[in-house]
Amino acid sequence: MSLRTKRMKELFGYAATLTKEQGPAVMAARAAGFFKRRFLGKRARYLPSAKALAEQRAADTWDHPLISILTPLYNTPKPFLEQFLDSVQNQTSPRWQLCLADASDDAHARVGELVRARAAKDPRILYRKIDNQGIAANTNAAAQLATGDYLALADHDDMLAPHAVFCMGRALAATGAAFAYSDEALFRKTPAGAHVAHFKPDYAPEYLMSVNYICHLAVFRRSLFEAVGGERPECDGAQDHDLFLRLIDEMQRENPKAAPLHVAQVLYYWRVHAASTSGGTDAKPYVQAAARKAVADHLAATGRQGRVEDGLFPGTCHVVWDIPEPQPLVSVLIPNKDHADDLEKCLHSLYSKTFYDNFEVIVVENNSTDPATEAYYKTLPDRYENCRVVRCKGAFNFSRVNNYGRKFAHGRYLLLLNNDIEVIRGDWLTQMVAEASQPWVGACGAMLYYPDDTIQHAGIITGLGGYAGHSHKYHKRGGSGYMFRLATVQDFSAVTAACLLVRTAVYDAMGGLDEAFTVAFNDVDFCLRVRDAGWRIVWTPYAELYHHESKSRGSDEADPAKKARFASEQKRLYQVHGREGILRDPYYNPCLSLDYEDFRESGDLRRLKNP
């Protein structure tokens, strides 16, 4: 079966399920949105409707905080500057102040002339001529003009969406948040021609250490900005990334659970041109060193032990955490029924390729019938050090088999591992232990590929297909993914138990896997319970393995008993975690599709039209 055929089959299967569960009207709306997105183009799709904008202009916004927008100017091209100023002055809310620090050289005096002419007619525009001292110092100079309770950052060649101040002000007034950020879109000439949006997750701390996904539009309390001393010139190039990390650190000194608020609206338009980092960091190569410094200083400020390296792609970082010495023991639990060839491939790669030394292997035998399997088991202790077989009787139940294996484990960590996994790179377990060793991390997942080097697992997103799906499934190996989400250590709601590392204390605190989930969703349920208990679920692209699960394996729908069991486990997932708790994954933007696993936009963007 070709990949295209498989995807079409999955889509029609999902359509049938959606029609059955939510009715033909919901299915028709989804289909219409898909058709519109696929065939009718993308112009202006992130802008609110004229009706929504008119309602905002008529609304009483005096309870919204005043937002001072900080913008350093430097030799700004006239068309860019005029578009930027227009975008601010055309806001649907009047609760803004524009603070402009102009470092343009003498040959570009027209920049100041243009701004002063605007300021003479609109007292909300504040202007100051300064000497050029770099982006951070120039931003700090703009901040000295501000009188608003909140500050926002905007570049001189970009544009604000017309509802930016209104939506931010409304959210801040409702929540009292100290720091908020929005989604953004890239454009070349006008917002009506925006060609791609960055639909971001809610606050994702591991992801933020890897890359500045927050970016635009960021709004924060002026008192918070002043408390951290503003932007740091020594981080020019990544000054905003550095600022965001320090703002969050300051917020969490008083309240460790404090987090930035994500306003899931496209409120900022980021211009793509040769000198802008929106088109890639090659335009500003010093950004990489500045980003490393920002993250390294963040680690030092928070007392965490690790070193910061360049990530897999320009603009990304990789924090390599220090592993406690001596190496903690990892107990590898491998359920098995027959399939001795698969198990041998798994064990051989595990023992021959893994750099991490301190592990034990517990093969949990369950219902094998092939005599060759029993003969194979007898060879294991002599061939593989610290490898033994334990026997779990009764009908197959993945959760029960792993819980049984845990009784024999002595490690500080448990690694749940399928018997059809094959190691690729030797540091895979070192990378996973390093992530899971951090006290705030409960479990860690790995990058799993099909044998044809397409992605099988890069984290689990709840809500995909109505229940859960794998991030970037079938994507080719080696890409960066959506907003670098294939190339950075990051937060997920769940990871697959085909290769899942968890601290034994966390596993025990959760009571292990829920045995009511016999085959499906046991890993999703477990990770959600771990997350809800206050630990993070982390996925790393630096642990790479093959998963020899077939891409074309048959569906359980052909077997009435299996179909009924799967439906029962779907129902239980909703019962335990709530339907909305499953459909709204905080690490997946609501404007992205629940029908596909490739981060494409949803066909239904009505929430952007009527925010």
Foldseek 3Di string as FASTA:
>chain_A
DDPVVVLVVLLVVLLVVCCVPPNPVVSVVQVVLVCCPVPVDDFPVQAAAPVQLVVLLPDDQPLFWQEEEFEEAELDPPVLQVQAVCQVVLASDPRYAYQYEYQYDPVRCVSVVVQVVVCVVPVSYHYHYDHDDADQVSRVVSLVVDDIQKYKYDYSRWHWRNHQSVLVRVVCSVPVAQKEAEKAFEDARDSSRGDGIAQFFFDWVQVLLWFPSRPPTMMGGSVLCVVLPGFDRVLRLCRVSLSVLSSLVVVCVVPVPRGYHYDYGHTIYHYDDQCDCVVPCVNPQCNQVSSQVSSVVSCVVVVFAWHWDRFPGPRTIATQGDADPPHFEEEEEEEDAPPVVLLVQAQCQCVVQAPDDHYAYEYEYEDHDDVVVVVSQVCDCVPDPRYHYDYDYDDAFPQVSVLVSLVVDDTQKYKQAYSNKGFDHHCQVVRQSRVQVPPQAFKEAEFEAAPVQFTDAQAKAFQQSLGIDHARGRHHPDDLARVSSLTGKIFHLFGDSNTMMGGSVLCVVLVTFDRLRRDPCSRNVSSNVSVVVRHTYIYHHVGYMYRHDDPPDDDCVVPVVSVVSVVVVRVVSCVVQNSVSRNDISRQGPQFDSHDNRRHGRSDPNVSNND
